[in-house]
């Protein structure tokens, strides 16, 4: 007689599942993981926490995610070009003794002026790392801003006297 194969799910019986929620020790929502068939049938499916996903569906999902990442990066590249084309961002300040300006130059002031100058095309957010120099007097400053993890731009800041 031939040796019979044991029925039931062995440890090697894995399946590909798209998680619908965060599950500790398994993965985050909207990620594809390999789980045991029994775990899927007894836990994920009854609680509606996961769905079986085919290789083709995974490929489509990955492609869509990569396209989205490329689109976001392109937005950053466009924004950097827009900032460059904008020229100097001029902030007017009242000046005291020794040409020292009153008040500080803040992220928000630069962000607002950039938005205004670009007719709302360039909207900088606080999530973007912006190195605002310590501005004490009038003059030209460079403000590096990370518009995307892979794209940096330089805002040319001109601080002029408010007459």
N, C-alpha and C. Protein backbone atom coordinates (compact mmCIF):
# COMPACT_ATOMS: atom_id res chain seq x y z
N UNK A 1 0.82 -1.20 0.00
CA UNK A 1 0.00 0.00 0.00
C UNK A 1 0.86 1.25 0.00
N UNK A 2 0.37 2.29 -0.66
CA UNK A 2 1.07 3.57 -0.68
C UNK A 2 0.82 4.28 0.66
N UNK A 3 1.82 5.07 1.09
CA UNK A 3 1.66 5.84 2.32
C UNK A 3 0.65 6.95 2.10
N UNK A 4 -0.33 7.00 3.00
CA UNK A 4 -1.36 8.03 2.85
C UNK A 4 -0.83 9.37 3.34
N UNK A 5 -1.23 10.44 2.63
CA UNK A 5 -0.87 11.79 3.07
C UNK A 5 -1.82 12.17 4.18
N UNK A 6 -1.27 12.75 5.22
CA UNK A 6 -2.13 13.17 6.32
C UNK A 6 -2.98 14.36 5.89
N UNK A 7 -4.20 14.38 6.25
CA UNK A 7 -5.08 15.52 5.95
C UNK A 7 -4.80 16.65 6.93
N UNK A 8 -5.43 17.79 6.73
CA UNK A 8 -5.26 18.92 7.66
C UNK A 8 -4.09 19.78 7.27
N UNK A 9 -4.03 20.93 7.86
CA UNK A 9 -3.00 21.91 7.48
C UNK A 9 -1.72 21.70 8.25
N UNK A 10 -0.65 21.41 7.54
CA UNK A 10 0.66 21.33 8.16
C UNK A 10 1.22 22.74 8.29
N UNK A 11 2.37 22.85 8.94
CA UNK A 11 2.97 24.17 9.16
C UNK A 11 3.36 24.82 7.84
N UNK A 12 3.54 24.00 6.79
CA UNK A 12 4.00 24.55 5.52
C UNK A 12 2.85 25.10 4.68
N UNK A 13 1.61 24.87 5.12
CA UNK A 13 0.46 25.35 4.34
C UNK A 13 0.22 26.84 4.61
N UNK A 14 0.84 27.66 3.79
CA UNK A 14 0.72 29.11 3.96
C UNK A 14 -0.13 29.67 2.83
N UNK A 15 -0.75 30.78 3.11
CA UNK A 15 -1.48 31.47 2.06
C UNK A 15 -1.21 32.95 2.13
N UNK A 16 -1.43 33.61 1.00
CA UNK A 16 -1.17 35.03 0.87
C UNK A 16 -2.46 35.79 1.18
N UNK A 17 -2.35 36.71 2.13
CA UNK A 17 -3.55 37.41 2.59
C UNK A 17 -3.29 38.92 2.63
N UNK A 18 -4.31 39.70 2.24
CA UNK A 18 -4.26 41.15 2.38
C UNK A 18 -4.96 41.49 3.69
N UNK A 19 -4.22 42.06 4.63
CA UNK A 19 -4.81 42.39 5.92
C UNK A 19 -5.74 43.59 5.81
N UNK A 20 -6.88 43.53 6.50
CA UNK A 20 -7.84 44.63 6.48
C UNK A 20 -7.72 45.49 7.74
N UNK A 21 -6.93 45.03 8.69
CA UNK A 21 -6.73 45.79 9.91
C UNK A 21 -5.33 45.52 10.44
N UNK A 22 -4.86 46.35 11.37
CA UNK A 22 -3.56 46.12 12.01
C UNK A 22 -3.70 44.94 12.95
N UNK A 23 -2.79 43.97 12.83
CA UNK A 23 -2.80 42.83 13.74
C UNK A 23 -1.40 42.68 14.30
N UNK A 24 -1.31 42.81 15.61
CA UNK A 24 -0.02 42.76 16.28
C UNK A 24 0.69 41.44 15.97
N UNK A 25 1.94 41.52 15.62
CA UNK A 25 2.73 40.32 15.35
C UNK A 25 2.50 39.75 13.96
N UNK A 26 1.54 40.30 13.21
CA UNK A 26 1.27 39.80 11.85
C UNK A 26 1.59 40.87 10.82
N UNK A 27 0.97 42.04 10.98
CA UNK A 27 1.25 43.10 10.02
C UNK A 27 0.24 44.23 10.14
N UNK A 28 0.47 45.25 9.34
CA UNK A 28 -0.40 46.43 9.35
C UNK A 28 -1.49 46.29 8.29
N UNK A 29 -2.55 47.08 8.46
CA UNK A 29 -3.65 47.09 7.49
C UNK A 29 -3.11 47.41 6.11
N UNK A 30 -3.72 46.80 5.09
CA UNK A 30 -3.37 47.04 3.69
C UNK A 30 -1.99 46.51 3.30
N UNK A 31 -1.45 45.56 4.10
CA UNK A 31 -0.20 44.92 3.70
C UNK A 31 -0.51 43.46 3.38
N UNK A 32 0.36 42.88 2.55
CA UNK A 32 0.19 41.48 2.14
C UNK A 32 1.13 40.63 2.98
N UNK A 33 0.58 39.60 3.62
CA UNK A 33 1.38 38.72 4.48
C UNK A 33 1.10 37.26 4.15
N UNK A 34 2.02 36.39 4.56
CA UNK A 34 1.83 34.95 4.43
C UNK A 34 1.36 34.45 5.80
N UNK A 35 0.24 33.75 5.83
CA UNK A 35 -0.24 33.20 7.10
C UNK A 35 -0.61 31.73 6.91
N UNK A 36 -0.70 31.01 8.02
CA UNK A 36 -1.14 29.62 7.95
C UNK A 36 -2.60 29.57 7.54
N UNK A 37 -2.94 28.54 6.78
CA UNK A 37 -4.31 28.37 6.32
C UNK A 37 -5.27 28.33 7.51
N UNK A 38 -4.89 27.61 8.56
CA UNK A 38 -5.74 27.49 9.75
C UNK A 38 -5.97 28.84 10.41
N UNK A 39 -4.92 29.65 10.48
CA UNK A 39 -5.03 30.97 11.09
C UNK A 39 -6.01 31.83 10.29
N UNK A 40 -5.92 31.72 8.96
CA UNK A 40 -6.83 32.49 8.12
C UNK A 40 -8.27 32.02 8.33
N UNK A 41 -8.48 30.71 8.25
CA UNK A 41 -9.84 30.15 8.33
C UNK A 41 -10.47 30.33 9.71
N UNK A 42 -9.66 30.23 10.75
CA UNK A 42 -10.20 30.26 12.11
C UNK A 42 -10.23 31.66 12.73
N UNK A 43 -9.40 32.56 12.23
CA UNK A 43 -9.30 33.86 12.88
C UNK A 43 -9.56 35.04 11.92
N UNK A 44 -8.73 35.14 10.89
CA UNK A 44 -8.83 36.32 10.01
C UNK A 44 -10.16 36.39 9.26
N UNK A 45 -10.57 35.25 8.65
CA UNK A 45 -11.79 35.30 7.85
C UNK A 45 -13.04 35.54 8.70
N UNK A 46 -13.21 34.80 9.80
CA UNK A 46 -14.43 35.04 10.60
C UNK A 46 -14.51 36.47 11.15
N UNK A 47 -13.36 37.06 11.46
CA UNK A 47 -13.37 38.43 12.02
C UNK A 47 -13.27 39.47 10.90
N UNK A 48 -13.26 39.01 9.65
CA UNK A 48 -13.16 39.90 8.49
C UNK A 48 -11.91 40.81 8.57
N UNK A 49 -10.79 40.22 8.98
CA UNK A 49 -9.55 40.98 9.12
C UNK A 49 -8.58 40.76 7.96
N UNK A 50 -8.96 39.82 7.06
CA UNK A 50 -8.05 39.56 5.94
C UNK A 50 -8.80 38.96 4.77
N UNK A 51 -8.22 39.12 3.58
CA UNK A 51 -8.81 38.54 2.38
C UNK A 51 -7.72 37.87 1.57
N UNK A 52 -8.06 36.77 0.93
CA UNK A 52 -7.10 36.07 0.08
C UNK A 52 -6.78 36.98 -1.10
N UNK A 53 -5.52 37.07 -1.45
CA UNK A 53 -5.11 37.93 -2.56
C UNK A 53 -4.19 37.14 -3.49
N UNK A 54 -4.44 37.24 -4.79
CA UNK A 54 -3.65 36.48 -5.76
C UNK A 54 -2.36 37.23 -6.09
N UNK A 55 -1.41 36.53 -6.70
CA UNK A 55 -0.15 37.16 -7.12
C UNK A 55 -0.42 38.31 -8.07
N UNK A 56 -1.41 38.11 -8.97
CA UNK A 56 -1.75 39.17 -9.93
C UNK A 56 -2.25 40.41 -9.20
N UNK A 57 -3.11 40.19 -8.20
CA UNK A 57 -3.65 41.32 -7.42
C UNK A 57 -2.53 42.03 -6.66
N UNK A 58 -1.58 41.24 -6.15
CA UNK A 58 -0.44 41.82 -5.44
C UNK A 58 0.37 42.69 -6.40
N UNK A 59 0.59 42.18 -7.61
CA UNK A 59 1.36 42.92 -8.62
C UNK A 59 0.67 44.25 -8.94
N UNK A 60 -0.65 44.22 -9.09
CA UNK A 60 -1.42 45.44 -9.37
C UNK A 60 -1.30 46.42 -8.21
N UNK A 61 -1.41 45.89 -6.98
CA UNK A 61 -1.32 46.72 -5.77
C UNK A 61 0.06 47.39 -5.70
N UNK A 62 1.12 46.60 -5.92
CA UNK A 62 2.49 47.11 -5.86
C UNK A 62 2.69 48.18 -6.94
N UNK A 63 2.18 47.90 -8.14
CA UNK A 63 2.32 48.85 -9.25
C UNK A 63 1.62 50.17 -8.92
N UNK A 64 0.43 50.07 -8.36
CA UNK A 64 -0.33 51.27 -7.98
C UNK A 64 0.42 52.06 -6.91
N UNK A 65 1.00 51.34 -5.94
CA UNK A 65 1.75 52.02 -4.87
C UNK A 65 2.98 52.71 -5.44
N UNK A 66 3.67 52.03 -6.37
CA UNK A 66 4.88 52.63 -6.96
C UNK A 66 4.51 53.84 -7.81
N UNK A 67 3.40 53.75 -8.53
CA UNK A 67 2.94 54.87 -9.35
C UNK A 67 2.61 56.06 -8.45
N UNK A 68 1.98 55.77 -7.31
CA UNK A 68 1.63 56.83 -6.35
C UNK A 68 2.90 57.48 -5.79
N UNK A 69 3.90 56.65 -5.45
CA UNK A 69 5.16 57.18 -4.93
C UNK A 69 5.85 58.05 -5.98
N UNK A 70 5.82 57.59 -7.23
CA UNK A 70 6.44 58.35 -8.33
C UNK A 70 5.71 59.68 -8.52
N UNK A 71 4.36 59.64 -8.40
CA UNK A 71 3.56 60.85 -8.56
C UNK A 71 3.90 61.86 -7.45
N UNK A 72 4.03 61.36 -6.23
CA UNK A 72 4.35 62.22 -5.09
C UNK A 72 5.75 62.83 -5.27
N UNK A 73 6.69 62.00 -5.75
CA UNK A 73 8.05 62.51 -5.98
C UNK A 73 8.02 63.58 -7.08
N UNK A 74 7.24 63.33 -8.15
CA UNK A 74 7.15 64.29 -9.25
C UNK A 74 6.56 65.62 -8.74
N UNK A 75 5.60 65.52 -7.84
CA UNK A 75 5.04 66.73 -7.23
C UNK A 75 6.14 67.52 -6.53
N UNK A 76 7.03 66.80 -5.86
CA UNK A 76 8.16 67.43 -5.17
C UNK A 76 9.10 68.10 -6.15
N UNK A 77 9.38 67.39 -7.25
CA UNK A 77 10.27 67.94 -8.29
C UNK A 77 9.65 69.20 -8.89
N UNK A 78 8.35 69.14 -9.18
CA UNK A 78 7.64 70.30 -9.74
C UNK A 78 7.67 71.47 -8.76
N UNK A 79 7.46 71.15 -7.48
CA UNK A 79 7.43 72.18 -6.46
C UNK A 79 8.80 72.85 -6.35
N UNK A 80 9.86 72.05 -6.40
CA UNK A 80 11.22 72.59 -6.32
C UNK A 80 11.48 73.51 -7.51
N UNK A 81 11.01 73.12 -8.70
CA UNK A 81 11.20 73.94 -9.90
C UNK A 81 10.43 75.26 -9.76
N UNK A 82 9.23 75.15 -9.22
CA UNK A 82 8.38 76.32 -9.01
C UNK A 82 9.05 77.31 -8.04
N UNK A 83 9.63 76.76 -6.97
CA UNK A 83 10.32 77.59 -5.97
C UNK A 83 11.50 78.31 -6.62
N UNK A 84 12.24 77.55 -7.46
CA UNK A 84 13.41 78.13 -8.14
C UNK A 84 12.97 79.26 -9.07
N UNK A 85 11.90 79.02 -9.81
CA UNK A 85 11.41 80.00 -10.79
C UNK A 85 10.84 81.26 -10.12
N UNK A 86 10.45 81.10 -8.88
CA UNK A 86 9.80 82.18 -8.16
C UNK A 86 10.73 83.36 -7.87
N UNK A 87 12.01 83.06 -7.78
CA UNK A 87 12.95 84.13 -7.46
C UNK A 87 12.94 84.41 -5.96
N UNK A 88 13.30 85.64 -5.61
CA UNK A 88 13.43 85.97 -4.20
C UNK A 88 12.09 86.12 -3.49
N UNK A 89 12.06 85.55 -2.30
CA UNK A 89 10.91 85.73 -1.42
C UNK A 89 11.28 86.91 -0.53
N UNK A 90 10.52 87.99 -0.66
CA UNK A 90 10.86 89.21 0.07
C UNK A 90 9.96 89.37 1.28
N UNK A 91 10.60 89.52 2.43
CA UNK A 91 9.86 89.84 3.64
C UNK A 91 10.30 91.22 4.10
N UNK A 92 9.34 92.07 4.39
CA UNK A 92 9.65 93.43 4.86
C UNK A 92 9.62 93.43 6.39
N UNK A 93 10.59 94.09 6.98
CA UNK A 93 10.66 94.15 8.44
C UNK A 93 10.99 95.56 8.90
N UNK A 94 10.44 95.94 10.05
CA UNK A 94 10.83 97.20 10.67
C UNK A 94 12.23 96.98 11.26
N UNK A 95 13.03 98.02 11.20
CA UNK A 95 14.42 97.91 11.63
C UNK A 95 14.70 98.87 12.78
N UNK A 96 15.48 98.37 13.74
CA UNK A 96 15.87 99.20 14.88
C UNK A 96 17.34 99.58 14.78
N UNK A 97 17.93 99.89 15.93
CA UNK A 97 19.33 100.30 15.98
C UNK A 97 20.23 99.20 15.42
N UNK A 98 21.30 99.61 14.73
CA UNK A 98 22.26 98.65 14.19
C UNK A 98 21.65 97.75 13.12
N UNK A 99 20.61 98.26 12.46
CA UNK A 99 19.94 97.52 11.39
C UNK A 99 19.37 96.17 11.83
N UNK A 100 19.14 96.02 13.11
CA UNK A 100 18.54 94.78 13.59
C UNK A 100 17.04 94.83 13.32
N UNK A 101 16.50 93.70 12.90
CA UNK A 101 15.06 93.69 12.61
C UNK A 101 14.27 93.40 13.88
N UNK A 102 13.03 93.85 13.88
CA UNK A 102 12.14 93.55 15.01
C UNK A 102 11.43 92.24 14.71
N UNK A 103 11.36 91.37 15.70
CA UNK A 103 10.66 90.09 15.53
C UNK A 103 11.52 89.09 14.79
N UNK A 104 10.96 87.90 14.65
CA UNK A 104 11.68 86.82 13.99
C UNK A 104 11.12 86.56 12.60
N UNK A 105 11.90 85.85 11.81
CA UNK A 105 11.40 85.33 10.54
C UNK A 105 11.02 83.88 10.83
N UNK A 106 9.74 83.57 10.64
CA UNK A 106 9.25 82.24 11.00
C UNK A 106 8.95 81.38 9.78
N UNK A 107 8.86 80.07 10.04
CA UNK A 107 8.46 79.12 8.99
C UNK A 107 7.16 79.58 8.35
N UNK A 108 6.20 79.93 9.21
CA UNK A 108 4.86 80.27 8.73
C UNK A 108 4.90 81.49 7.80
N UNK A 109 5.68 82.50 8.16
CA UNK A 109 5.78 83.69 7.31
C UNK A 109 6.33 83.34 5.94
N UNK A 110 7.35 82.50 5.93
CA UNK A 110 7.95 82.09 4.65
C UNK A 110 6.94 81.24 3.86
N UNK A 111 6.29 80.29 4.54
CA UNK A 111 5.31 79.43 3.88
C UNK A 111 4.17 80.26 3.28
N UNK A 112 3.68 81.23 4.04
CA UNK A 112 2.58 82.08 3.56
C UNK A 112 3.00 82.90 2.34
N UNK A 113 4.19 83.45 2.40
CA UNK A 113 4.67 84.30 1.30
C UNK A 113 4.92 83.46 0.04
N UNK A 114 5.48 82.27 0.21
CA UNK A 114 5.73 81.36 -0.92
C UNK A 114 4.40 80.99 -1.56
N UNK A 115 3.41 80.69 -0.73
CA UNK A 115 2.08 80.33 -1.24
C UNK A 115 1.48 81.50 -2.02
N UNK A 116 1.61 82.70 -1.45
CA UNK A 116 1.05 83.88 -2.10
C UNK A 116 1.75 84.17 -3.43
N UNK A 117 3.09 84.09 -3.42
CA UNK A 117 3.87 84.40 -4.64
C UNK A 117 3.63 83.39 -5.75
N UNK A 118 3.33 82.15 -5.38
CA UNK A 118 3.14 81.10 -6.39
C UNK A 118 1.67 80.91 -6.74
N UNK A 119 0.84 81.86 -6.32
CA UNK A 119 -0.62 81.76 -6.54
C UNK A 119 -1.18 80.45 -6.03
N UNK A 120 -0.67 80.01 -4.89
CA UNK A 120 -1.18 78.79 -4.26
C UNK A 120 -0.67 77.50 -4.87
N UNK A 121 0.26 77.61 -5.85
CA UNK A 121 0.79 76.38 -6.47
C UNK A 121 1.76 75.67 -5.53
N UNK A 122 2.51 76.45 -4.77
CA UNK A 122 3.46 75.86 -3.83
C UNK A 122 2.91 75.99 -2.42
N UNK A 123 2.49 74.87 -1.88
CA UNK A 123 1.99 74.87 -0.50
C UNK A 123 2.96 74.04 0.33
N UNK A 124 3.77 74.75 1.10
CA UNK A 124 4.72 74.07 1.97
C UNK A 124 3.99 73.67 3.24
N UNK A 125 4.38 72.53 3.79
CA UNK A 125 3.76 72.09 5.04
C UNK A 125 4.83 71.97 6.11
N UNK A 126 4.38 71.91 7.35
CA UNK A 126 5.34 71.80 8.46
C UNK A 126 6.04 70.45 8.47
N UNK A 127 5.46 69.45 7.73
CA UNK A 127 6.12 68.15 7.66
C UNK A 127 7.40 68.23 6.85
N UNK A 128 7.46 69.23 5.94
CA UNK A 128 8.66 69.39 5.12
C UNK A 128 9.72 70.07 5.97
N UNK A 129 10.89 69.46 6.02
CA UNK A 129 11.96 70.02 6.84
C UNK A 129 12.46 71.32 6.21
N UNK A 130 12.32 72.41 6.95
CA UNK A 130 12.77 73.70 6.45
C UNK A 130 13.77 74.27 7.44
N UNK A 131 14.97 74.58 6.95
CA UNK A 131 15.99 75.15 7.82
C UNK A 131 15.96 76.67 7.72
N UNK A 132 15.17 77.28 8.57
CA UNK A 132 15.09 78.74 8.56
C UNK A 132 16.29 79.27 9.34
N UNK A 133 17.12 80.08 8.67
CA UNK A 133 18.29 80.61 9.38
C UNK A 133 17.85 81.62 10.44
N UNK A 134 18.73 81.86 11.38
CA UNK A 134 18.42 82.87 12.39
C UNK A 134 18.66 84.23 11.75
N UNK A 135 17.58 84.94 11.46
CA UNK A 135 17.67 86.22 10.76
C UNK A 135 17.61 87.34 11.79
N UNK A 136 18.70 88.11 11.89
CA UNK A 136 18.70 89.24 12.82
C UNK A 136 18.68 90.57 12.11
N UNK A 137 19.17 90.56 10.87
CA UNK A 137 19.26 91.83 10.15
C UNK A 137 18.75 91.70 8.73
N UNK A 138 18.88 92.80 7.99
CA UNK A 138 18.45 92.80 6.60
C UNK A 138 19.45 92.00 5.77
N UNK A 139 19.02 91.57 4.58
CA UNK A 139 19.95 90.89 3.70
C UNK A 139 19.36 89.66 3.04
N UNK A 140 20.27 88.88 2.42
CA UNK A 140 19.85 87.69 1.68
C UNK A 140 20.16 86.44 2.48
N UNK A 141 19.23 85.52 2.44
CA UNK A 141 19.39 84.26 3.17
C UNK A 141 18.93 83.13 2.26
N UNK A 142 19.48 81.95 2.50
CA UNK A 142 19.02 80.77 1.77
C UNK A 142 18.30 79.89 2.77
N UNK A 143 17.10 79.46 2.40
CA UNK A 143 16.31 78.60 3.27
C UNK A 143 16.12 77.25 2.57
N UNK A 144 16.90 76.23 2.97
CA UNK A 144 16.73 74.92 2.36
C UNK A 144 15.42 74.30 2.86
N UNK A 145 14.69 73.68 1.94
CA UNK A 145 13.45 73.00 2.33
C UNK A 145 13.38 71.67 1.61
N UNK A 146 13.03 70.64 2.37
CA UNK A 146 12.94 69.28 1.84
C UNK A 146 11.50 69.08 1.41
N UNK A 147 11.20 69.29 0.11
CA UNK A 147 9.82 69.21 -0.35
C UNK A 147 9.36 67.75 -0.51
N UNK A 148 10.33 66.82 -0.53
CA UNK A 148 10.06 65.39 -0.66
C UNK A 148 11.30 64.71 -0.11
N UNK A 149 11.17 63.49 0.44
CA UNK A 149 12.36 62.83 1.00
C UNK A 149 13.57 62.81 0.05
N UNK A 150 13.32 62.81 -1.28
CA UNK A 150 14.42 62.77 -2.24
C UNK A 150 14.62 64.08 -3.00
N UNK A 151 13.83 65.09 -2.65
CA UNK A 151 13.92 66.36 -3.40
C UNK A 151 14.04 67.55 -2.45
N UNK A 152 15.12 68.32 -2.64
CA UNK A 152 15.31 69.51 -1.82
C UNK A 152 15.20 70.75 -2.70
N UNK A 153 14.79 71.84 -2.11
CA UNK A 153 14.72 73.11 -2.83
C UNK A 153 15.35 74.18 -1.96
N UNK A 154 15.72 75.28 -2.59
CA UNK A 154 16.31 76.39 -1.84
C UNK A 154 15.44 77.62 -2.06
N UNK A 155 14.93 78.14 -0.99
CA UNK A 155 14.15 79.39 -1.08
C UNK A 155 15.13 80.53 -0.89
N UNK A 156 15.14 81.46 -1.84
CA UNK A 156 16.01 82.64 -1.70
C UNK A 156 15.20 83.70 -0.97
N UNK A 157 15.65 83.99 0.23
CA UNK A 157 14.92 84.92 1.09
C UNK A 157 15.65 86.26 1.13
N UNK A 158 14.89 87.30 0.94
CA UNK A 158 15.43 88.66 0.96
C UNK A 158 14.70 89.39 2.08
N UNK A 159 15.44 89.85 3.09
CA UNK A 159 14.80 90.60 4.17
C UNK A 159 15.11 92.09 3.94
N UNK A 160 14.05 92.86 3.70
CA UNK A 160 14.23 94.28 3.38
C UNK A 160 13.56 95.15 4.43
N UNK A 161 13.99 96.38 4.46
CA UNK A 161 13.43 97.30 5.46
C UNK A 161 12.02 97.74 5.06
N UNK A 162 11.17 97.70 6.06
CA UNK A 162 9.81 98.18 5.86
C UNK A 162 9.85 99.68 6.12
N UNK A 163 9.51 100.46 5.11
CA UNK A 163 9.60 101.92 5.27
C UNK A 163 8.26 102.48 5.73
